[in-house]
Amino acid sequence: QIMNLRKFLSMKQRGYDTIKKGLLTLMSKAKHHSSTWKILKFKKIVFFKMDS
């Protein structure tokens, strides 16, 4: 049971890493678009709220 949970958590972490990488790429591309930047910031907050 504990092993399965650990495996699931590592998979979840990998998923978050992928999302983070994608967000970072988008951010670096869209830094000059302040509106996009605000949306991404907002989405980040939503992610953290969902996680906790």
PDB file of N, CA and C in Angstrom:
ATOM      1  N   GLN A   1       0.832  -1.212   0.000  1.00  0.00           N
ATOM      2  CA  GLN A   1       0.000   0.000   0.000  1.00  0.00           C
ATOM      3  C   GLN A   1       0.871   1.268   0.000  1.00  0.00           C
ATOM      4  N   ILE A   2       1.854   1.285   0.896  1.00  0.00           N
ATOM      5  CA  ILE A   2       2.746   2.454   0.995  1.00  0.00           C
ATOM      6  C   ILE A   2       3.558   2.610  -0.303  1.00  0.00           C
ATOM      7  N   MET A   3       4.018   1.484  -0.863  1.00  0.00           N
ATOM      8  CA  MET A   3       4.788   1.547  -2.108  1.00  0.00           C
ATOM      9  C   MET A   3       3.944   2.137  -3.238  1.00  0.00           C
ATOM     10  N   ASN A   4       2.689   1.701  -3.326  1.00  0.00           N
ATOM     11  CA  ASN A   4       1.797   2.227  -4.354  1.00  0.00           C
ATOM     12  C   ASN A   4       1.605   3.725  -4.205  1.00  0.00           C
ATOM     13  N   LEU A   5       1.417   4.155  -2.965  1.00  0.00           N
ATOM     14  CA  LEU A   5       1.230   5.577  -2.674  1.00  0.00           C
ATOM     15  C   LEU A   5       2.459   6.358  -3.101  1.00  0.00           C
ATOM     16  N   ARG A   6       3.634   5.815  -2.775  1.00  0.00           N
ATOM     17  CA  ARG A   6       4.885   6.493  -3.129  1.00  0.00           C
ATOM     18  C   ARG A   6       5.028   6.598  -4.649  1.00  0.00           C
ATOM     19  N   LYS A   7       4.671   5.517  -5.330  1.00  0.00           N
ATOM     20  CA  LYS A   7       4.738   5.512  -6.803  1.00  0.00           C
ATOM     21  C   LYS A   7       3.796   6.553  -7.374  1.00  0.00           C
ATOM     22  N   PHE A   8       2.595   6.597  -6.813  1.00  0.00           N
ATOM     23  CA  PHE A   8       1.595   7.571  -7.270  1.00  0.00           C
ATOM     24  C   PHE A   8       2.100   8.986  -7.062  1.00  0.00           C
ATOM     25  N   LEU A   9       2.699   9.251  -5.897  1.00  0.00           N
ATOM     26  CA  LEU A   9       3.192  10.584  -5.586  1.00  0.00           C
ATOM     27  C   LEU A   9       4.311  10.992  -6.540  1.00  0.00           C
ATOM     28  N   SER A  10       5.207  10.055  -6.849  1.00  0.00           N
ATOM     29  CA  SER A  10       6.302  10.375  -7.763  1.00  0.00           C
ATOM     30  C   SER A  10       5.758  10.655  -9.166  1.00  0.00           C
ATOM     31  N   MET A  11       4.726   9.905  -9.566  1.00  0.00           N
ATOM     32  CA  MET A  11       4.085  10.166 -10.859  1.00  0.00           C
ATOM     33  C   MET A  11       3.456  11.556 -10.871  1.00  0.00           C
ATOM     34  N   LYS A  12       2.783  11.886  -9.769  1.00  0.00           N
ATOM     35  CA  LYS A  12       2.147  13.190  -9.645  1.00  0.00           C
ATOM     36  C   LYS A  12       3.204  14.289  -9.727  1.00  0.00           C
ATOM     37  N   GLN A  13       4.329  14.065  -9.041  1.00  0.00           N
ATOM     38  CA  GLN A  13       5.419  15.038  -9.051  1.00  0.00           C
ATOM     39  C   GLN A  13       5.949  15.233 -10.465  1.00  0.00           C
ATOM     40  N   ARG A  14       6.081  14.135 -11.200  1.00  0.00           N
ATOM     41  CA  ARG A  14       6.569  14.214 -12.576  1.00  0.00           C
ATOM     42  C   ARG A  14       5.611  15.036 -13.428  1.00  0.00           C
ATOM     43  N   GLY A  15       4.311  14.809 -13.204  1.00  0.00           N
ATOM     44  CA  GLY A  15       3.294  15.571 -13.913  1.00  0.00           C
ATOM     45  C   GLY A  15       3.412  17.062 -13.631  1.00  0.00           C
ATOM     46  N   TYR A  16       3.614  17.392 -12.345  1.00  0.00           N
ATOM     47  CA  TYR A  16       3.763  18.797 -11.966  1.00  0.00           C
ATOM     48  C   TYR A  16       5.005  19.402 -12.599  1.00  0.00           C
ATOM     49  N   ASP A  17       6.093  18.620 -12.647  1.00  0.00           N
ATOM     50  CA  ASP A  17       7.326  19.111 -13.264  1.00  0.00           C
ATOM     51  C   ASP A  17       7.088  19.451 -14.731  1.00  0.00           C
ATOM     52  N   THR A  18       6.355  18.576 -15.424  1.00  0.00           N
ATOM     53  CA  THR A  18       6.042  18.826 -16.829  1.00  0.00           C
ATOM     54  C   THR A  18       5.227  20.103 -16.981  1.00  0.00           C
ATOM     55  N   ILE A  19       4.216  20.255 -16.128  1.00  0.00           N
ATOM     56  CA  ILE A  19       3.372  21.453 -16.166  1.00  0.00           C
ATOM     57  C   ILE A  19       4.216  22.692 -15.887  1.00  0.00           C
ATOM     58  N   LYS A  20       5.087  22.588 -14.874  1.00  0.00           N
ATOM     59  CA  LYS A  20       5.944  23.719 -14.505  1.00  0.00           C
ATOM     60  C   LYS A  20       6.837  24.115 -15.669  1.00  0.00           C
ATOM     61  N   LYS A  21       7.435  23.106 -16.332  1.00  0.00           N
ATOM     62  CA  LYS A  21       8.298  23.379 -17.484  1.00  0.00           C
ATOM     63  C   LYS A  21       7.526  24.091 -18.569  1.00  0.00           C
ATOM     64  N   GLY A  22       6.323  23.599 -18.851  1.00  0.00           N
ATOM     65  CA  GLY A  22       5.477  24.219 -19.862  1.00  0.00           C
ATOM     66  C   GLY A  22       5.135  25.654 -19.504  1.00  0.00           C
ATOM     67  N   LEU A  23       4.794  25.868 -18.228  1.00  0.00           N
ATOM     68  CA  LEU A  23       4.458  27.220 -17.766  1.00  0.00           C
ATOM     69  C   LEU A  23       5.657  28.146 -17.883  1.00  0.00           C
ATOM     70  N   LEU A  24       6.823  27.645 -17.500  1.00  0.00           N
ATOM     71  CA  LEU A  24       8.039  28.462 -17.572  1.00  0.00           C
ATOM     72  C   LEU A  24       8.343  28.850 -19.016  1.00  0.00           C
ATOM     73  N   THR A  25       8.174  27.885 -19.929  1.00  0.00           N
ATOM     74  CA  THR A  25       8.411  28.171 -21.342  1.00  0.00           C
ATOM     75  C   THR A  25       7.448  29.241 -21.829  1.00  0.00           C
ATOM     76  N   LEU A  26       6.161  29.083 -21.449  1.00  0.00           N
ATOM     77  CA  LEU A  26       5.155  30.070 -21.838  1.00  0.00           C
ATOM     78  C   LEU A  26       5.487  31.437 -21.265  1.00  0.00           C
ATOM     79  N   MET A  27       5.906  31.443 -19.996  1.00  0.00           N
ATOM     80  CA  MET A  27       6.220  32.710 -19.336  1.00  0.00           C
ATOM     81  C   MET A  27       7.361  33.431 -20.038  1.00  0.00           C
ATOM     82  N   SER A  28       8.425  32.696 -20.345  1.00  0.00           N
ATOM     83  CA  SER A  28       9.575  33.322 -20.981  1.00  0.00           C
ATOM     84  C   SER A  28       9.207  33.846 -22.366  1.00  0.00           C
ATOM     85  N   LYS A  29       8.296  33.133 -23.046  1.00  0.00           N
ATOM     86  CA  LYS A  29       7.848  33.585 -24.367  1.00  0.00           C
ATOM     87  C   LYS A  29       6.957  34.821 -24.262  1.00  0.00           C
ATOM     88  N   ALA A  30       6.129  34.849 -23.217  1.00  0.00           N
ATOM     89  CA  ALA A  30       5.066  35.856 -23.148  1.00  0.00           C
ATOM     90  C   ALA A  30       5.352  36.947 -22.117  1.00  0.00           C
ATOM     91  N   LYS A  31       6.636  37.115 -21.776  1.00  0.00           N
ATOM     92  CA  LYS A  31       6.957  38.075 -20.722  1.00  0.00           C
ATOM     93  C   LYS A  31       6.610  39.498 -21.121  1.00  0.00           C
ATOM     94  N   HIS A  32       6.699  39.802 -22.409  1.00  0.00           N
ATOM     95  CA  HIS A  32       6.397  41.167 -22.847  1.00  0.00           C
ATOM     96  C   HIS A  32       4.886  41.402 -22.950  1.00  0.00           C
ATOM     97  N   HIS A  33       4.102  40.315 -22.887  1.00  0.00           N
ATOM     98  CA  HIS A  33       2.647  40.467 -22.845  1.00  0.00           C
ATOM     99  C   HIS A  33       2.209  40.439 -21.376  1.00  0.00           C
ATOM    100  N   SER A  34       2.020  41.602 -20.790  1.00  0.00           N
ATOM    101  CA  SER A  34       1.734  41.664 -19.353  1.00  0.00           C
ATOM    102  C   SER A  34       0.415  40.968 -19.008  1.00  0.00           C
ATOM    103  N   SER A  35      -0.564  41.024 -19.915  1.00  0.00           N
ATOM    104  CA  SER A  35      -1.859  40.381 -19.633  1.00  0.00           C
ATOM    105  C   SER A  35      -1.692  38.861 -19.533  1.00  0.00           C
ATOM    106  N   THR A  36      -0.903  38.292 -20.451  1.00  0.00           N
ATOM    107  CA  THR A  36      -0.640  36.847 -20.402  1.00  0.00           C
ATOM    108  C   THR A  36       0.074  36.493 -19.113  1.00  0.00           C
ATOM    109  N   TRP A  37       1.031  37.337 -18.732  1.00  0.00           N
ATOM    110  CA  TRP A  37       1.781  37.136 -17.494  1.00  0.00           C
ATOM    111  C   TRP A  37       0.839  37.068 -16.293  1.00  0.00           C
ATOM    112  N   LYS A  38      -0.131  37.984 -16.246  1.00  0.00           N
ATOM    113  CA  LYS A  38      -1.095  38.001 -15.140  1.00  0.00           C
ATOM    114  C   LYS A  38      -1.934  36.724 -15.119  1.00  0.00           C
ATOM    115  N   ILE A  39      -2.343  36.279 -16.298  1.00  0.00           N
ATOM    116  CA  ILE A  39      -3.147  35.051 -16.384  1.00  0.00           C
ATOM    117  C   ILE A  39      -2.345  33.857 -15.858  1.00  0.00           C
ATOM    118  N   LEU A  40      -1.074  33.775 -16.258  1.00  0.00           N
ATOM    119  CA  LEU A  40      -0.235  32.661 -15.819  1.00  0.00           C
ATOM    120  C   LEU A  40      -0.018  32.709 -14.311  1.00  0.00           C
ATOM    121  N   LYS A  41       0.192  33.908 -13.788  1.00  0.00           N
ATOM    122  CA  LYS A  41       0.341  34.066 -12.336  1.00  0.00           C
ATOM    123  C   LYS A  41      -0.911  33.556 -11.634  1.00  0.00           C
ATOM    124  N   PHE A  42      -2.079  33.938 -12.171  1.00  0.00           N
ATOM    125  CA  PHE A  42      -3.349  33.520 -11.600  1.00  0.00           C
ATOM    126  C   PHE A  42      -3.477  31.996 -11.633  1.00  0.00           C
ATOM    127  N   LYS A  43      -3.112  31.390 -12.770  1.00  0.00           N
ATOM    128  CA  LYS A  43      -3.201  29.942 -12.903  1.00  0.00           C
ATOM    129  C   LYS A  43      -2.302  29.242 -11.893  1.00  0.00           C
ATOM    130  N   LYS A  44      -1.126  29.827 -11.669  1.00  0.00           N
ATOM    131  CA  LYS A  44      -0.190  29.263 -10.701  1.00  0.00           C
ATOM    132  C   LYS A  44      -0.831  29.219  -9.318  1.00  0.00           C
ATOM    133  N   ILE A  45      -1.491  30.306  -8.945  1.00  0.00           N
ATOM    134  CA  ILE A  45      -2.169  30.376  -7.646  1.00  0.00           C
ATOM    135  C   ILE A  45      -3.240  29.294  -7.561  1.00  0.00           C
ATOM    136  N   VAL A  46      -3.989  29.125  -8.651  1.00  0.00           N
ATOM    137  CA  VAL A  46      -5.035  28.099  -8.692  1.00  0.00           C
ATOM    138  C   VAL A  46      -4.423  26.711  -8.500  1.00  0.00           C
ATOM    139  N   PHE A  47      -3.274  26.468  -9.165  1.00  0.00           N
ATOM    140  CA  PHE A  47      -2.593  25.177  -9.009  1.00  0.00           C
ATOM    141  C   PHE A  47      -2.253  24.915  -7.548  1.00  0.00           C
ATOM    142  N   PHE A  48      -1.684  25.933  -6.900  1.00  0.00           N
ATOM    143  CA  PHE A  48      -1.291  25.760  -5.507  1.00  0.00           C
ATOM    144  C   PHE A  48      -2.515  25.518  -4.625  1.00  0.00           C
ATOM    145  N   LYS A  49      -3.604  26.201  -4.906  1.00  0.00           N
ATOM    146  CA  LYS A  49      -4.827  26.013  -4.126  1.00  0.00           C
ATOM    147  C   LYS A  49      -5.376  24.597  -4.314  1.00  0.00           C
ATOM    148  N   MET A  50      -5.320  24.099  -5.540  1.00  0.00           N
ATOM    149  CA  MET A  50      -5.796  22.748  -5.818  1.00  0.00           C
ATOM    150  C   MET A  50      -4.931  21.718  -5.087  1.00  0.00           C
ATOM    151  N   ASP A  51      -3.626  21.985  -5.011  1.00  0.00           N
ATOM    152  CA  ASP A  51      -2.690  21.033  -4.423  1.00  0.00           C
ATOM    153  C   ASP A  51      -2.892  20.911  -2.916  1.00  0.00           C
ATOM    154  N   SER A  52      -3.154  22.031  -2.245  1.00  0.00           N
ATOM    155  CA  SER A  52      -3.258  22.007  -0.782  1.00  0.00           C
ATOM    156  C   SER A  52      -4.614  21.491  -0.295  1.00  0.00           C
TER     157      SER A  52
END
